[in-house]
Amino acid sequence: MKEVKVEVIGTEPPCMRCQSAKKAVEKAAEKLKQSGLIVKIEKANIMSKEIVQKYGVLVSPAIAINDTVKVMGRVPSSEEMERMIKEAIE
């Protein structure tokens, strides 16, 4: 069983766009679970120095898959997230 780490990088408390991005990731993770893929979802605060230094992210929401930023400054669809997560394990 493969495991993928997805970080949803946003504000604390989360804004509407950050919440929508997290929902898209959760929906994709739920679908991918059926094909035997474990998606570990973590929330990261964009105001944290460590996150800014690690990713160079300045616009939220941002989404990093296995420590690589894939989306920044917009809310992806769950289908798009599903595709990106699948690409990350290939």
PDB file of N, CA and C in Angstrom:
ATOM      1  N   MET A   1       0.831  -1.188   0.000  1.00  0.00           N
ATOM      2  CA  MET A   1       0.000   0.000   0.000  1.00  0.00           C
ATOM      3  C   MET A   1       0.877   1.254   0.000  1.00  0.00           C
ATOM      4  N   LYS A   2       0.630   2.139  -0.929  1.00  0.00           N
ATOM      5  CA  LYS A   2       1.443   3.353  -1.040  1.00  0.00           C
ATOM      6  C   LYS A   2       0.879   4.468  -0.171  1.00  0.00           C
ATOM      7  N   GLU A   3       1.790   5.316   0.306  1.00  0.00           N
ATOM      8  CA  GLU A   3       1.373   6.433   1.141  1.00  0.00           C
ATOM      9  C   GLU A   3       1.905   7.744   0.562  1.00  0.00           C
ATOM     10  N   VAL A   4       1.046   8.741   0.551  1.00  0.00           N
ATOM     11  CA  VAL A   4       1.406  10.059   0.032  1.00  0.00           C
ATOM     12  C   VAL A   4       1.124  11.088   1.116  1.00  0.00           C
ATOM     13  N   LYS A   5       2.035  12.051   1.258  1.00  0.00           N
ATOM     14  CA  LYS A   5       1.815  13.116   2.241  1.00  0.00           C
ATOM     15  C   LYS A   5       1.363  14.371   1.496  1.00  0.00           C
ATOM     16  N   VAL A   6       0.213  14.890   1.906  1.00  0.00           N
ATOM     17  CA  VAL A   6      -0.309  16.113   1.305  1.00  0.00           C
ATOM     18  C   VAL A   6      -0.440  17.161   2.402  1.00  0.00           C
ATOM     19  N   GLU A   7       0.195  18.310   2.190  1.00  0.00           N
ATOM     20  CA  GLU A   7       0.096  19.408   3.147  1.00  0.00           C
ATOM     21  C   GLU A   7      -0.765  20.515   2.561  1.00  0.00           C
ATOM     22  N   VAL A   8      -1.771  20.913   3.316  1.00  0.00           N
ATOM     23  CA  VAL A   8      -2.598  22.049   2.928  1.00  0.00           C
ATOM     24  C   VAL A   8      -2.049  23.239   3.699  1.00  0.00           C
ATOM     25  N   ILE A   9      -1.474  24.188   2.972  1.00  0.00           N
ATOM     26  CA  ILE A   9      -0.812  25.334   3.592  1.00  0.00           C
ATOM     27  C   ILE A   9      -1.749  26.533   3.511  1.00  0.00           C
ATOM     28  N   GLY A  10      -2.112  27.055   4.663  1.00  0.00           N
ATOM     29  CA  GLY A  10      -3.050  28.176   4.676  1.00  0.00           C
ATOM     30  C   GLY A  10      -2.962  28.983   5.955  1.00  0.00           C
ATOM     31  N   THR A  11      -3.925  29.857   6.117  1.00  0.00           N
ATOM     32  CA  THR A  11      -3.943  30.735   7.287  1.00  0.00           C
ATOM     33  C   THR A  11      -4.523  30.003   8.489  1.00  0.00           C
ATOM     34  N   GLU A  12      -4.261  30.546   9.648  1.00  0.00           N
ATOM     35  CA  GLU A  12      -4.785  29.992  10.900  1.00  0.00           C
ATOM     36  C   GLU A  12      -5.490  31.114  11.640  1.00  0.00           C
ATOM     37  N   PRO A  13      -6.774  31.088  11.914  1.00  0.00           N
ATOM     38  CA  PRO A  13      -7.753  30.065  11.501  1.00  0.00           C
ATOM     39  C   PRO A  13      -7.940  30.062   9.977  1.00  0.00           C
ATOM     40  N   PRO A  14      -8.350  28.914   9.419  1.00  0.00           N
ATOM     41  CA  PRO A  14      -8.449  28.793   7.963  1.00  0.00           C
ATOM     42  C   PRO A  14      -9.525  29.692   7.340  1.00  0.00           C
ATOM     43  N   CYS A  15      -9.172  30.315   6.219  1.00  0.00           N
ATOM     44  CA  CYS A  15     -10.138  31.138   5.480  1.00  0.00           C
ATOM     45  C   CYS A  15     -11.015  30.208   4.628  1.00  0.00           C
ATOM     46  N   MET A  16     -12.009  30.759   3.976  1.00  0.00           N
ATOM     47  CA  MET A  16     -12.926  29.945   3.159  1.00  0.00           C
ATOM     48  C   MET A  16     -12.181  29.193   2.051  1.00  0.00           C
ATOM     49  N   ARG A  17     -11.252  29.876   1.394  1.00  0.00           N
ATOM     50  CA  ARG A  17     -10.511  29.231   0.295  1.00  0.00           C
ATOM     51  C   ARG A  17      -9.629  28.095   0.805  1.00  0.00           C
ATOM     52  N   CYS A  18      -9.030  28.289   1.986  1.00  0.00           N
ATOM     53  CA  CYS A  18      -8.183  27.241   2.570  1.00  0.00           C
ATOM     54  C   CYS A  18      -9.041  26.032   2.958  1.00  0.00           C
ATOM     55  N   GLN A  19     -10.234  26.303   3.487  1.00  0.00           N
ATOM     56  CA  GLN A  19     -11.146  25.213   3.847  1.00  0.00           C
ATOM     57  C   GLN A  19     -11.588  24.450   2.600  1.00  0.00           C
ATOM     58  N   SER A  20     -11.864  25.184   1.518  1.00  0.00           N
ATOM     59  CA  SER A  20     -12.273  24.541   0.261  1.00  0.00           C
ATOM     60  C   SER A  20     -11.148  23.685  -0.302  1.00  0.00           C
ATOM     61  N   ALA A  21      -9.915  24.178  -0.203  1.00  0.00           N
ATOM     62  CA  ALA A  21      -8.764  23.409  -0.691  1.00  0.00           C
ATOM     63  C   ALA A  21      -8.611  22.122   0.105  1.00  0.00           C
ATOM     64  N   LYS A  22      -8.786  22.221   1.432  1.00  0.00           N
ATOM     65  CA  LYS A  22      -8.672  21.034   2.291  1.00  0.00           C
ATOM     66  C   LYS A  22      -9.774  20.025   1.950  1.00  0.00           C
ATOM     67  N   LYS A  23     -10.990  20.532   1.686  1.00  0.00           N
ATOM     68  CA  LYS A  23     -12.096  19.631   1.313  1.00  0.00           C
ATOM     69  C   LYS A  23     -11.797  18.910   0.001  1.00  0.00           C
ATOM     70  N   ALA A  24     -11.209  19.615  -0.956  1.00  0.00           N
ATOM     71  CA  ALA A  24     -10.859  19.007  -2.244  1.00  0.00           C
ATOM     72  C   ALA A  24      -9.844  17.880  -2.042  1.00  0.00           C
ATOM     73  N   VAL A  25      -8.866  18.117  -1.164  1.00  0.00           N
ATOM     74  CA  VAL A  25      -7.849  17.101  -0.861  1.00  0.00           C
ATOM     75  C   VAL A  25      -8.497  15.902  -0.166  1.00  0.00           C
ATOM     76  N   GLU A  26      -9.380  16.179   0.804  1.00  0.00           N
ATOM     77  CA  GLU A  26     -10.056  15.093   1.532  1.00  0.00           C
ATOM     78  C   GLU A  26     -10.912  14.244   0.597  1.00  0.00           C
ATOM     79  N   LYS A  27     -11.613  14.897  -0.324  1.00  0.00           N
ATOM     80  CA  LYS A  27     -12.466  14.183  -1.274  1.00  0.00           C
ATOM     81  C   LYS A  27     -11.625  13.280  -2.183  1.00  0.00           C
ATOM     82  N   ALA A  28     -10.510  13.814  -2.665  1.00  0.00           N
ATOM     83  CA  ALA A  28      -9.601  13.034  -3.507  1.00  0.00           C
ATOM     84  C   ALA A  28      -9.014  11.858  -2.721  1.00  0.00           C
ATOM     85  N   ALA A  29      -8.634  12.123  -1.463  1.00  0.00           N
ATOM     86  CA  ALA A  29      -8.046  11.080  -0.611  1.00  0.00           C
ATOM     87  C   ALA A  29      -9.034   9.942  -0.390  1.00  0.00           C
ATOM     88  N   GLU A  30     -10.298  10.305  -0.202  1.00  0.00           N
ATOM     89  CA  GLU A  30     -11.355   9.308   0.017  1.00  0.00           C
ATOM     90  C   GLU A  30     -11.493   8.403  -1.203  1.00  0.00           C
ATOM     91  N   LYS A  31     -11.474   9.009  -2.385  1.00  0.00           N
ATOM     92  CA  LYS A  31     -11.588   8.238  -3.627  1.00  0.00           C
ATOM     93  C   LYS A  31     -10.371   7.346  -3.843  1.00  0.00           C
ATOM     94  N   LEU A  32      -9.193   7.880  -3.561  1.00  0.00           N
ATOM     95  CA  LEU A  32      -7.952   7.133  -3.784  1.00  0.00           C
ATOM     96  C   LEU A  32      -7.778   6.002  -2.774  1.00  0.00           C
ATOM     97  N   LYS A  33      -8.428   6.146  -1.618  1.00  0.00           N
ATOM     98  CA  LYS A  33      -8.344   5.107  -0.597  1.00  0.00           C
ATOM     99  C   LYS A  33      -8.897   3.782  -1.142  1.00  0.00           C
ATOM    100  N   GLN A  34      -9.922   3.882  -1.991  1.00  0.00           N
ATOM    101  CA  GLN A  34     -10.530   2.682  -2.572  1.00  0.00           C
ATOM    102  C   GLN A  34      -9.546   1.925  -3.477  1.00  0.00           C
ATOM    103  N   SER A  35      -8.585   2.650  -4.060  1.00  0.00           N
ATOM    104  CA  SER A  35      -7.592   1.981  -4.907  1.00  0.00           C
ATOM    105  C   SER A  35      -6.323   1.635  -4.127  1.00  0.00           C
ATOM    106  N   GLY A  36      -6.432   1.656  -2.791  1.00  0.00           N
ATOM    107  CA  GLY A  36      -5.327   1.205  -1.935  1.00  0.00           C
ATOM    108  C   GLY A  36      -4.231   2.228  -1.722  1.00  0.00           C
ATOM    109  N   LEU A  37      -4.564   3.491  -1.830  1.00  0.00           N
ATOM    110  CA  LEU A  37      -3.576   4.543  -1.621  1.00  0.00           C
ATOM    111  C   LEU A  37      -3.907   5.293  -0.338  1.00  0.00           C
ATOM    112  N   ILE A  38      -2.907   5.427   0.530  1.00  0.00           N
ATOM    113  CA  ILE A  38      -3.118   6.152   1.784  1.00  0.00           C
ATOM    114  C   ILE A  38      -2.645   7.588   1.588  1.00  0.00           C
ATOM    115  N   VAL A  39      -3.540   8.529   1.799  1.00  0.00           N
ATOM    116  CA  VAL A  39      -3.180   9.939   1.692  1.00  0.00           C
ATOM    117  C   VAL A  39      -3.199  10.532   3.095  1.00  0.00           C
ATOM    118  N   LYS A  40      -2.022  10.945   3.542  1.00  0.00           N
ATOM    119  CA  LYS A  40      -1.882  11.536   4.874  1.00  0.00           C
ATOM    120  C   LYS A  40      -1.992  13.051   4.710  1.00  0.00           C
ATOM    121  N   ILE A  41      -3.076  13.634   5.236  1.00  0.00           N
ATOM    122  CA  ILE A  41      -3.316  15.068   5.078  1.00  0.00           C
ATOM    123  C   ILE A  41      -2.847  15.815   6.321  1.00  0.00           C
ATOM    124  N   GLU A  42      -2.009  16.823   6.098  1.00  0.00           N
ATOM    125  CA  GLU A  42      -1.522  17.653   7.196  1.00  0.00           C
ATOM    126  C   GLU A  42      -1.850  19.103   6.896  1.00  0.00           C
ATOM    127  N   LYS A  43      -2.084  19.867   7.968  1.00  0.00           N
ATOM    128  CA  LYS A  43      -2.320  21.299   7.792  1.00  0.00           C
ATOM    129  C   LYS A  43      -1.059  22.036   8.206  1.00  0.00           C
ATOM    130  N   ALA A  44      -0.681  23.028   7.397  1.00  0.00           N
ATOM    131  CA  ALA A  44       0.498  23.817   7.726  1.00  0.00           C
ATOM    132  C   ALA A  44       0.106  25.289   7.711  1.00  0.00           C
ATOM    133  N   ASN A  45       0.659  26.053   8.642  1.00  0.00           N
ATOM    134  CA  ASN A  45       0.337  27.473   8.754  1.00  0.00           C
ATOM    135  C   ASN A  45       1.274  28.297   7.869  1.00  0.00           C
ATOM    136  N   ILE A  46       0.698  29.058   6.950  1.00  0.00           N
ATOM    137  CA  ILE A  46       1.489  29.873   6.023  1.00  0.00           C
ATOM    138  C   ILE A  46       2.255  30.974   6.749  1.00  0.00           C
ATOM    139  N   MET A  47       1.839  31.300   7.969  1.00  0.00           N
ATOM    140  CA  MET A  47       2.526  32.335   8.741  1.00  0.00           C
ATOM    141  C   MET A  47       3.762  31.788   9.458  1.00  0.00           C
ATOM    142  N   SER A  48       3.957  30.481   9.422  1.00  0.00           N
ATOM    143  CA  SER A  48       5.095  29.876  10.111  1.00  0.00           C
ATOM    144  C   SER A  48       6.377  30.085   9.296  1.00  0.00           C
ATOM    145  N   LYS A  49       7.426  30.538   9.965  1.00  0.00           N
ATOM    146  CA  LYS A  49       8.713  30.789   9.297  1.00  0.00           C
ATOM    147  C   LYS A  49       9.246  29.519   8.639  1.00  0.00           C
ATOM    148  N   GLU A  50       9.075  28.390   9.328  1.00  0.00           N
ATOM    149  CA  GLU A  50       9.595  27.117   8.812  1.00  0.00           C
ATOM    150  C   GLU A  50       8.942  26.778   7.468  1.00  0.00           C
ATOM    151  N   ILE A  51       7.617  26.975   7.385  1.00  0.00           N
ATOM    152  CA  ILE A  51       6.882  26.658   6.154  1.00  0.00           C
ATOM    153  C   ILE A  51       7.317  27.582   5.023  1.00  0.00           C
ATOM    154  N   VAL A  52       7.437  28.881   5.325  1.00  0.00           N
ATOM    155  CA  VAL A  52       7.864  29.845   4.297  1.00  0.00           C
ATOM    156  C   VAL A  52       9.270  29.503   3.817  1.00  0.00           C
ATOM    157  N   GLN A  53      10.165  29.160   4.740  1.00  0.00           N
ATOM    158  CA  GLN A  53      11.537  28.811   4.362  1.00  0.00           C
ATOM    159  C   GLN A  53      11.576  27.504   3.577  1.00  0.00           C
ATOM    160  N   LYS A  54      10.773  26.546   3.985  1.00  0.00           N
ATOM    161  CA  LYS A  54      10.775  25.228   3.336  1.00  0.00           C
ATOM    162  C   LYS A  54      10.227  25.295   1.919  1.00  0.00           C
ATOM    163  N   TYR A  55       9.112  26.027   1.738  1.00  0.00           N
ATOM    164  CA  TYR A  55       8.423  26.022   0.452  1.00  0.00           C
ATOM    165  C   TYR A  55       8.487  27.333  -0.325  1.00  0.00           C
ATOM    166  N   GLY A  56       8.798  28.434   0.356  1.00  0.00           N
ATOM    167  CA  GLY A  56       8.786  29.727  -0.315  1.00  0.00           C
ATOM    168  C   GLY A  56       7.385  30.171  -0.693  1.00  0.00           C
ATOM    169  N   VAL A  57       6.402  29.684   0.034  1.00  0.00           N
ATOM    170  CA  VAL A  57       4.995  29.974  -0.263  1.00  0.00           C
ATOM    171  C   VAL A  57       4.601  31.307   0.368  1.00  0.00           C
ATOM    172  N   LEU A  58       4.020  32.176  -0.435  1.00  0.00           N
ATOM    173  CA  LEU A  58       3.591  33.472   0.075  1.00  0.00           C
ATOM    174  C   LEU A  58       2.094  33.699  -0.115  1.00  0.00           C
ATOM    175  N   VAL A  59       1.454  32.851  -0.913  1.00  0.00           N
ATOM    176  CA  VAL A  59       0.032  33.010  -1.211  1.00  0.00           C
ATOM    177  C   VAL A  59      -0.701  31.747  -0.773  1.00  0.00           C
ATOM    178  N   SER A  60      -1.848  31.947  -0.097  1.00  0.00           N
ATOM    179  CA  SER A  60      -2.616  30.767   0.321  1.00  0.00           C
ATOM    180  C   SER A  60      -3.914  30.710  -0.483  1.00  0.00           C
ATOM    181  N   PRO A  61      -4.561  29.566  -0.608  1.00  0.00           N
ATOM    182  CA  PRO A  61      -4.065  28.279  -0.122  1.00  0.00           C
ATOM    183  C   PRO A  61      -2.978  27.724  -1.045  1.00  0.00           C
ATOM    184  N   ALA A  62      -2.117  26.900  -0.473  1.00  0.00           N
ATOM    185  CA  ALA A  62      -1.109  26.195  -1.250  1.00  0.00           C
ATOM    186  C   ALA A  62      -1.174  24.731  -0.846  1.00  0.00           C
ATOM    187  N   ILE A  63      -0.810  23.863  -1.779  1.00  0.00           N
ATOM    188  CA  ILE A  63      -0.846  22.435  -1.482  1.00  0.00           C
ATOM    189  C   ILE A  63       0.478  21.819  -1.912  1.00  0.00           C
ATOM    190  N   ALA A  64       1.095  21.107  -0.968  1.00  0.00           N
ATOM    191  CA  ALA A  64       2.358  20.418  -1.251  1.00  0.00           C
ATOM    192  C   ALA A  64       2.111  18.923  -1.188  1.00  0.00           C
ATOM    193  N   ILE A  65       2.597  18.222  -2.188  1.00  0.00           N
ATOM    194  CA  ILE A  65       2.484  16.764  -2.218  1.00  0.00           C
ATOM    195  C   ILE A  65       3.897  16.208  -2.107  1.00  0.00           C
ATOM    196  N   ASN A  66       4.112  15.366  -1.092  1.00  0.00           N
ATOM    197  CA  ASN A  66       5.437  14.803  -0.811  1.00  0.00           C
ATOM    198  C   ASN A  66       6.517  15.896  -0.838  1.00  0.00           C
ATOM    199  N   ASP A  67       6.278  16.981  -0.121  1.00  0.00           N
ATOM    200  CA  ASP A  67       7.224  18.084   0.052  1.00  0.00           C
ATOM    201  C   ASP A  67       7.502  18.923  -1.197  1.00  0.00           C
ATOM    202  N   THR A  68       6.625  18.846  -2.215  1.00  0.00           N
ATOM    203  CA  THR A  68       6.761  19.681  -3.407  1.00  0.00           C
ATOM    204  C   THR A  68       5.466  20.462  -3.590  1.00  0.00           C
ATOM    205  N   VAL A  69       5.569  21.784  -3.677  1.00  0.00           N
ATOM    206  CA  VAL A  69       4.366  22.608  -3.859  1.00  0.00           C
ATOM    207  C   VAL A  69       3.810  22.383  -5.258  1.00  0.00           C
ATOM    208  N   LYS A  70       2.526  22.019  -5.321  1.00  0.00           N
ATOM    209  CA  LYS A  70       1.864  21.737  -6.598  1.00  0.00           C
ATOM    210  C   LYS A  70       0.828  22.800  -6.943  1.00  0.00           C
ATOM    211  N   VAL A  71       0.255  23.429  -5.914  1.00  0.00           N
ATOM    212  CA  VAL A  71      -0.788  24.435  -6.133  1.00  0.00           C
ATOM    213  C   VAL A  71      -0.496  25.619  -5.223  1.00  0.00           C
ATOM    214  N   MET A  72      -0.647  26.836  -5.767  1.00  0.00           N
ATOM    215  CA  MET A  72      -0.448  28.015  -4.933  1.00  0.00           C
ATOM    216  C   MET A  72      -1.423  29.112  -5.355  1.00  0.00           C
ATOM    217  N   GLY A  73      -2.127  29.660  -4.350  1.00  0.00           N
ATOM    218  CA  GLY A  73      -2.973  30.812  -4.603  1.00  0.00           C
ATOM    219  C   GLY A  73      -4.317  30.526  -5.251  1.00  0.00           C
ATOM    220  N   ARG A  74      -4.717  29.263  -5.284  1.00  0.00           N
ATOM    221  CA  ARG A  74      -6.036  28.931  -5.838  1.00  0.00           C
ATOM    222  C   ARG A  74      -6.552  27.634  -5.224  1.00  0.00           C
ATOM    223  N   VAL A  75      -7.838  27.386  -5.426  1.00  0.00           N
ATOM    224  CA  VAL A  75      -8.458  26.171  -4.890  1.00  0.00           C
ATOM    225  C   VAL A  75      -8.597  25.167  -6.033  1.00  0.00           C
ATOM    226  N   PRO A  76      -7.915  24.025  -5.935  1.00  0.00           N
ATOM    227  CA  PRO A  76      -8.033  23.013  -6.981  1.00  0.00           C
ATOM    228  C   PRO A  76      -9.320  22.206  -6.831  1.00  0.00           C
ATOM    229  N   SER A  77      -9.753  21.582  -7.911  1.00  0.00           N
ATOM    230  CA  SER A  77     -10.914  20.686  -7.817  1.00  0.00           C
ATOM    231  C   SER A  77     -10.435  19.355  -7.230  1.00  0.00           C
ATOM    232  N   SER A  78     -11.361  18.558  -6.719  1.00  0.00           N
ATOM    233  CA  SER A  78     -10.954  17.268  -6.146  1.00  0.00           C
ATOM    234  C   SER A  78     -10.411  16.353  -7.246  1.00  0.00           C
ATOM    235  N   GLU A  79     -10.932  16.490  -8.482  1.00  0.00           N
ATOM    236  CA  GLU A  79     -10.442  15.683  -9.610  1.00  0.00           C
ATOM    237  C   GLU A  79      -8.988  16.032  -9.915  1.00  0.00           C
ATOM    238  N   GLU A  80      -8.707  17.342  -9.882  1.00  0.00           N
ATOM    239  CA  GLU A  80      -7.336  17.798 -10.139  1.00  0.00           C
ATOM    240  C   GLU A  80      -6.403  17.283  -9.050  1.00  0.00           C
ATOM    241  N   MET A  81      -6.849  17.335  -7.806  1.00  0.00           N
ATOM    242  CA  MET A  81      -6.044  16.836  -6.689  1.00  0.00           C
ATOM    243  C   MET A  81      -5.780  15.348  -6.836  1.00  0.00           C
ATOM    244  N   GLU A  82      -6.813  14.625  -7.211  1.00  0.00           N
ATOM    245  CA  GLU A  82      -6.694  13.176  -7.404  1.00  0.00           C
ATOM    246  C   GLU A  82      -5.607  12.871  -8.445  1.00  0.00           C
ATOM    247  N   ARG A  83      -5.646  13.601  -9.553  1.00  0.00           N
ATOM    248  CA  ARG A  83      -4.673  13.417 -10.631  1.00  0.00           C
ATOM    249  C   ARG A  83      -3.256  13.740 -10.144  1.00  0.00           C
ATOM    250  N   MET A  84      -3.111  14.850  -9.412  1.00  0.00           N
ATOM    251  CA  MET A  84      -1.784  15.247  -8.913  1.00  0.00           C
ATOM    252  C   MET A  84      -1.223  14.249  -7.906  1.00  0.00           C
ATOM    253  N   ILE A  85      -2.089  13.715  -7.049  1.00  0.00           N
ATOM    254  CA  ILE A  85      -1.638  12.736  -6.054  1.00  0.00           C
ATOM    255  C   ILE A  85      -1.207  11.455  -6.776  1.00  0.00           C
ATOM    256  N   LYS A  86      -1.965  11.034  -7.784  1.00  0.00           N
ATOM    257  CA  LYS A  86      -1.597   9.830  -8.555  1.00  0.00           C
ATOM    258  C   LYS A  86      -0.258  10.047  -9.251  1.00  0.00           C
ATOM    259  N   GLU A  87      -0.060  11.234  -9.840  1.00  0.00           N
ATOM    260  CA  GLU A  87       1.206  11.534 -10.521  1.00  0.00           C
ATOM    261  C   GLU A  87       2.370  11.504  -9.552  1.00  0.00           C
ATOM    262  N   ALA A  88       2.127  11.897  -8.293  1.00  0.00           N
ATOM    263  CA  ALA A  88       3.199  11.949  -7.297  1.00  0.00           C
ATOM    264  C   ALA A  88       3.735  10.573  -6.941  1.00  0.00           C
ATOM    265  N   ILE A  89       2.925   9.535  -7.137  1.00  0.00           N
ATOM    266  CA  ILE A  89       3.399   8.183  -6.763  1.00  0.00           C
ATOM    267  C   ILE A  89       3.930   7.392  -7.951  1.00  0.00           C
ATOM    268  N   GLU A  90       3.808   7.964  -9.125  1.00  0.00           N
ATOM    269  CA  GLU A  90       4.294   7.249 -10.316  1.00  0.00           C
ATOM    270  C   GLU A  90       5.791   7.374 -10.470  1.00  0.00           C
TER     271      GLU A  90
END
